[in-house]
Amino acid sequence: MNEYIYPAVFHLNEEDGSYTIRFPDLPSCITEGKDLANALYMAQDLLTQWAAYCESRKEPLPPASKLENVACEQGEFVNLVRAVVRDDRAVRRTVSLPKWLDEQVAAAGLSLSRVLQDALKERLNLT
């Protein structure tokens, strides 16, 4: 799991209240949000996808600028955006459970892998 934090410039579009977001350190990395909450979500989503793409191609991401070094114009503000890239490749693990429980899982038509993943996420507070 890798974490990235980059400054983003949020520009308010006065006509409709939407925001255009750009990452000065990441060329062509631009997105939009229909309001501030959506803009923050879209910025994080874009940064996560960008970082995951770079990781998949083994391309290094440029260093992030310091917040105070990012220039913005009238009607804009700078905010840090955090992205976490997780390695979602499946791994095989051997688990043991009682036969009766395995039979109950099969009878219910459940995927043991999915149930185990969901239970682990809940137990680790990752949901």
C-alpha atoms as a PDB file:
ATOM      1  CA  MET A   1       0.000   0.000   0.000  1.00  0.00           C
ATOM      2  CA  ASN A   2       1.468   3.334  -1.075  1.00  0.00           C
ATOM      3  CA  GLU A   3       0.301   6.759   0.006  1.00  0.00           C
ATOM      4  CA  TYR A   4       0.639   9.938  -2.046  1.00  0.00           C
ATOM      5  CA  ILE A   5      -0.129  13.515  -1.014  1.00  0.00           C
ATOM      6  CA  TYR A   6      -0.151  16.280  -3.617  1.00  0.00           C
ATOM      7  CA  PRO A   7      -1.353  19.876  -3.645  1.00  0.00           C
ATOM      8  CA  ALA A   8      -4.308  20.586  -5.906  1.00  0.00           C
ATOM      9  CA  VAL A   9      -5.601  23.948  -7.099  1.00  0.00           C
ATOM     10  CA  PHE A  10      -9.385  24.317  -6.897  1.00  0.00           C
ATOM     11  CA  HIS A  11     -10.936  26.942  -9.177  1.00  0.00           C
ATOM     12  CA  LEU A  12     -14.541  27.977  -8.471  1.00  0.00           C
ATOM     13  CA  ASN A  13     -16.617  28.367 -11.631  1.00  0.00           C
ATOM     14  CA  GLU A  14     -18.933  31.206 -10.616  1.00  0.00           C
ATOM     15  CA  GLU A  15     -21.549  30.465 -13.296  1.00  0.00           C
ATOM     16  CA  ASP A  16     -22.673  27.126 -11.861  1.00  0.00           C
ATOM     17  CA  GLY A  17     -20.776  26.684  -8.570  1.00  0.00           C
ATOM     18  CA  SER A  18     -18.711  23.804  -9.919  1.00  0.00           C
ATOM     19  CA  TYR A  19     -14.961  23.448  -9.428  1.00  0.00           C
ATOM     20  CA  THR A  20     -12.122  22.692 -11.813  1.00  0.00           C
ATOM     21  CA  ILE A  21      -9.210  20.974 -10.094  1.00  0.00           C
ATOM     22  CA  ARG A  22      -5.651  20.701 -11.358  1.00  0.00           C
ATOM     23  CA  PHE A  23      -2.503  19.173  -9.903  1.00  0.00           C
ATOM     24  CA  PRO A  24       0.435  21.482 -10.727  1.00  0.00           C
ATOM     25  CA  ASP A  25       2.982  18.671 -10.254  1.00  0.00           C
ATOM     26  CA  LEU A  26       1.154  16.225 -12.521  1.00  0.00           C
ATOM     27  CA  PRO A  27       0.877  17.406 -16.124  1.00  0.00           C
ATOM     28  CA  SER A  28      -2.580  17.100 -17.713  1.00  0.00           C
ATOM     29  CA  CYS A  29      -4.034  15.905 -14.401  1.00  0.00           C
ATOM     30  CA  ILE A  30      -7.314  17.865 -14.349  1.00  0.00           C
ATOM     31  CA  THR A  31     -10.810  17.010 -13.156  1.00  0.00           C
ATOM     32  CA  GLU A  32     -14.074  18.708 -12.187  1.00  0.00           C
ATOM     33  CA  GLY A  33     -16.631  18.517  -9.417  1.00  0.00           C
ATOM     34  CA  LYS A  34     -20.212  19.783  -9.372  1.00  0.00           C
ATOM     35  CA  ASP A  35     -19.755  21.226  -5.864  1.00  0.00           C
ATOM     36  CA  LEU A  36     -16.993  21.350  -3.261  1.00  0.00           C
ATOM     37  CA  ALA A  37     -17.725  17.926  -1.753  1.00  0.00           C
ATOM     38  CA  ASN A  38     -17.807  16.321  -5.196  1.00  0.00           C
ATOM     39  CA  ALA A  39     -14.662  18.231  -6.229  1.00  0.00           C
ATOM     40  CA  LEU A  40     -12.736  16.854  -3.240  1.00  0.00           C
ATOM     41  CA  TYR A  41     -13.928  13.336  -4.072  1.00  0.00           C
ATOM     42  CA  MET A  42     -13.042  13.718  -7.758  1.00  0.00           C
ATOM     43  CA  ALA A  43      -9.575  15.070  -6.916  1.00  0.00           C
ATOM     44  CA  GLN A  44      -8.825  12.103  -4.666  1.00  0.00           C
ATOM     45  CA  ASP A  45     -10.191   9.655  -7.226  1.00  0.00           C
ATOM     46  CA  LEU A  46      -8.090  11.154 -10.023  1.00  0.00           C
ATOM     47  CA  LEU A  47      -4.918  11.201  -7.937  1.00  0.00           C
ATOM     48  CA  THR A  48      -5.479   7.566  -6.937  1.00  0.00           C
ATOM     49  CA  GLN A  49      -5.977   6.494 -10.551  1.00  0.00           C
ATOM     50  CA  TRP A  50      -2.981   8.512 -11.735  1.00  0.00           C
ATOM     51  CA  ALA A  51      -0.704   7.037  -9.062  1.00  0.00           C
ATOM     52  CA  ALA A  52      -1.960   3.487  -9.695  1.00  0.00           C
ATOM     53  CA  TYR A  53      -1.313   3.900 -13.426  1.00  0.00           C
ATOM     54  CA  CYS A  54       2.223   5.158 -12.800  1.00  0.00           C
ATOM     55  CA  GLU A  55       2.877   2.302 -10.386  1.00  0.00           C
ATOM     56  CA  SER A  56       1.588  -0.271 -12.891  1.00  0.00           C
ATOM     57  CA  ARG A  57       4.024   1.070 -15.503  1.00  0.00           C
ATOM     58  CA  LYS A  58       6.805   1.357 -12.918  1.00  0.00           C
ATOM     59  CA  GLU A  59       7.063   5.087 -13.640  1.00  0.00           C
ATOM     60  CA  PRO A  60       8.072   7.291 -10.725  1.00  0.00           C
ATOM     61  CA  LEU A  61       5.757  10.111  -9.742  1.00  0.00           C
ATOM     62  CA  PRO A  62       7.329  13.556  -9.543  1.00  0.00           C
ATOM     63  CA  PRO A  63       7.939  14.954  -6.083  1.00  0.00           C
ATOM     64  CA  ALA A  64       5.069  16.953  -4.632  1.00  0.00           C
ATOM     65  CA  SER A  65       5.453  20.710  -4.272  1.00  0.00           C
ATOM     66  CA  LYS A  66       5.203  22.288  -0.863  1.00  0.00           C
ATOM     67  CA  LEU A  67       1.785  23.774  -0.246  1.00  0.00           C
ATOM     68  CA  GLU A  68       3.195  27.272   0.241  1.00  0.00           C
ATOM     69  CA  ASN A  69       4.992  27.126  -3.123  1.00  0.00           C
ATOM     70  CA  VAL A  70       1.848  26.545  -5.179  1.00  0.00           C
ATOM     71  CA  ALA A  71       0.546  29.699  -6.831  1.00  0.00           C
ATOM     72  CA  CYS A  72      -3.122  30.320  -7.332  1.00  0.00           C
ATOM     73  CA  GLU A  73      -5.203  33.094  -8.837  1.00  0.00           C
ATOM     74  CA  GLN A  74      -8.243  35.053  -7.654  1.00  0.00           C
ATOM     75  CA  GLY A  75     -11.099  32.653  -6.870  1.00  0.00           C
ATOM     76  CA  GLU A  76      -8.808  29.659  -6.348  1.00  0.00           C
ATOM     77  CA  PHE A  77      -7.462  27.858  -3.322  1.00  0.00           C
ATOM     78  CA  VAL A  78      -4.889  25.120  -2.769  1.00  0.00           C
ATOM     79  CA  ASN A  79      -5.654  21.980  -0.806  1.00  0.00           C
ATOM     80  CA  LEU A  80      -3.682  18.800  -0.161  1.00  0.00           C
ATOM     81  CA  VAL A  81      -5.175  15.636  -1.638  1.00  0.00           C
ATOM     82  CA  ARG A  82      -4.317  12.155  -0.344  1.00  0.00           C
ATOM     83  CA  ALA A  83      -4.432   8.969  -2.384  1.00  0.00           C
ATOM     84  CA  VAL A  84      -3.795   5.403  -1.257  1.00  0.00           C
ATOM     85  CA  VAL A  85      -2.922   2.813  -3.889  1.00  0.00           C
ATOM     86  CA  ARG A  86      -3.468  -0.773  -2.831  1.00  0.00           C
ATOM     87  CA  ASP A  87      -2.188  -3.863  -4.593  1.00  0.00           C
ATOM     88  CA  ASP A  88      -5.451  -5.688  -5.392  1.00  0.00           C
ATOM     89  CA  ARG A  89      -3.870  -8.775  -6.893  1.00  0.00           C
ATOM     90  CA  ALA A  90      -5.332 -11.968  -5.457  1.00  0.00           C
ATOM     91  CA  VAL A  91      -3.092 -14.180  -3.341  1.00  0.00           C
ATOM     92  CA  ARG A  92      -3.780 -17.765  -2.379  1.00  0.00           C
ATOM     93  CA  ARG A  93      -3.946 -18.598   1.318  1.00  0.00           C
ATOM     94  CA  THR A  94      -4.793 -21.876   2.968  1.00  0.00           C
ATOM     95  CA  VAL A  95      -7.467 -21.553   5.617  1.00  0.00           C
ATOM     96  CA  SER A  96      -9.014 -24.155   7.860  1.00  0.00           C
ATOM     97  CA  LEU A  97     -12.619 -24.228   8.995  1.00  0.00           C
ATOM     98  CA  PRO A  98     -14.937 -26.897  10.306  1.00  0.00           C
ATOM     99  CA  LYS A  99     -16.573 -29.112   7.666  1.00  0.00           C
ATOM    100  CA  TRP A 100     -20.059 -28.214   8.861  1.00  0.00           C
ATOM    101  CA  LEU A 101     -19.298 -24.504   8.337  1.00  0.00           C
ATOM    102  CA  ASP A 102     -17.957 -25.142   4.844  1.00  0.00           C
ATOM    103  CA  GLU A 103     -21.157 -27.045   4.043  1.00  0.00           C
ATOM    104  CA  GLN A 104     -23.269 -24.136   5.318  1.00  0.00           C
ATOM    105  CA  VAL A 105     -21.343 -21.696   3.127  1.00  0.00           C
ATOM    106  CA  ALA A 106     -21.852 -23.912   0.066  1.00  0.00           C
ATOM    107  CA  ALA A 107     -25.556 -24.436   0.853  1.00  0.00           C
ATOM    108  CA  ALA A 108     -26.056 -20.679   1.141  1.00  0.00           C
ATOM    109  CA  GLY A 109     -24.363 -20.162  -2.232  1.00  0.00           C
ATOM    110  CA  LEU A 110     -21.787 -17.835  -0.729  1.00  0.00           C
ATOM    111  CA  SER A 111     -18.282 -17.224  -1.958  1.00  0.00           C
ATOM    112  CA  LEU A 112     -15.937 -18.144   0.869  1.00  0.00           C
ATOM    113  CA  SER A 113     -13.306 -15.760  -0.518  1.00  0.00           C
ATOM    114  CA  ARG A 114     -15.781 -12.838  -0.581  1.00  0.00           C
ATOM    115  CA  VAL A 115     -17.072 -13.585   2.928  1.00  0.00           C
ATOM    116  CA  LEU A 116     -13.517 -13.807   4.278  1.00  0.00           C
ATOM    117  CA  GLN A 117     -12.521 -10.542   2.574  1.00  0.00           C
ATOM    118  CA  ASP A 118     -15.600  -8.739   3.898  1.00  0.00           C
ATOM    119  CA  ALA A 119     -15.056 -10.091   7.420  1.00  0.00           C
ATOM    120  CA  LEU A 120     -11.375  -9.086   7.422  1.00  0.00           C
ATOM    121  CA  LYS A 121     -12.181  -5.574   6.167  1.00  0.00           C
ATOM    122  CA  GLU A 122     -14.787  -5.176   8.910  1.00  0.00           C
ATOM    123  CA  ARG A 123     -12.463  -6.553  11.592  1.00  0.00           C
ATOM    124  CA  LEU A 124      -9.636  -4.230  10.471  1.00  0.00           C
ATOM    125  CA  ASN A 125     -12.006  -1.227  10.191  1.00  0.00           C
ATOM    126  CA  LEU A 126     -11.322  -0.887   6.468  1.00  0.00           C
ATOM    127  CA  THR A 127     -14.957  -0.615   5.362  1.00  0.00           C
END
